[in-house]
Amino acid sequence: MRTPFTGCGTALVTPFTRDGALDEAGVRRLARRQIDKGIHFLVPCGTTGESPTLSLAERRRVVEIVVEEAAGKVPVLAGAGGYDTKEVIHAAGEMKKAGANGLLSVTPYYNKPTQEGLYQHFKAIADAVGLPIIVYNVPGRTGCNVEVATQVRLASIPHIVGVKEASGNMTQMCEVCRNVPSDFLVLSGDDALTLPLMAVGGRGIISVASNEIPAEMSQMVEAAERGDFAAARAMHSRLLPLMQINFVESNPGPVKAAMAAMGLLELVYRLPMVPPRAESQEKILKVLRELKLVGAASPVQAATR
């Protein structure tokens, strides 16, 4: 049996209806598609899911739906992070009630805690909630980095089982893999760095690209897991343009535009997210056509809510 939260997990987008409401049927449909295509775990209500614009009730409902669709076939790692520890603990409790198997908790943003503050923040969440926690380190968005020594300290706390490393710093990622216990899960937070990280001990990816191509991303990771890096490199080379174009503008703008072109959702965002510029949408469509994910579809500008 696969260790929970290893392999390829999808940082699920959140679909909205044309009037800006949560599209519950869309959440259900996208989760089912992921499972049918062989994804290893699901990650609702993260940054890719536009979680800052979802109410706590909406986040809980998204997780409930994803848990229902998962039906025990794959684990559900629900997003629950923020800069107020007490508020994060409350949100994490709601995710637990909704049936999540674990939590993805982003580092506090804006208030820039010290390394000791980061340690105490995550310790408090782990002590209070009792679910497995993956720490999400993404300094480009949060303004603070979980240093290697702090990750090693966090690895000793019961219930803190891994890190999503999106620092973009391969040296740091190598040092984390070298210094944490062997059962501490180091996951990539960047699709394009999945293979380099797995080559030095990483256990997979929490992926944006798997929203579009869950089967292919899962197969690439599985090839790396079994040591077939020749096959994994070939897939990585073919898929790299999609991994890159998903960040031609701020995530999840491009991935939702791509999924709309693929007929998977309505192209609707909540402000401050807006549709990618027309020239960006053309670049996205070019990559989708090259990968034969769409035909001659045209971009459709969306309303934002």
Foldseek 3Di string as FASTA:
>chain_A
DDDAPFFEEEADAFFADQVGHGDLVLLLVLLLVLVVLPFAEYEYQDVLNVNVPDDLVRQLSSLLSSCVSCVVVHAYAYEQEEQDLVRSLVSLQSSVVSPHQHYEYEFYADVADDLVVRLVSVLVSCVRRVHAYAYEAACVPRVYGNALVSLQVNLVRPRDQEYADAPPDVVRLLSNQVRHDLRRAYEYAALLCFLVSLVSRHRYYHDHCCSLVSNLSSVLRVCSVVVNVVVNVVSSVLCVLLSVLCVPDDHPQLSLQLCVQLVSHANEEAPPDFHDDQVSSVSSVVSCVSVPSHPPGHGDGGDYD
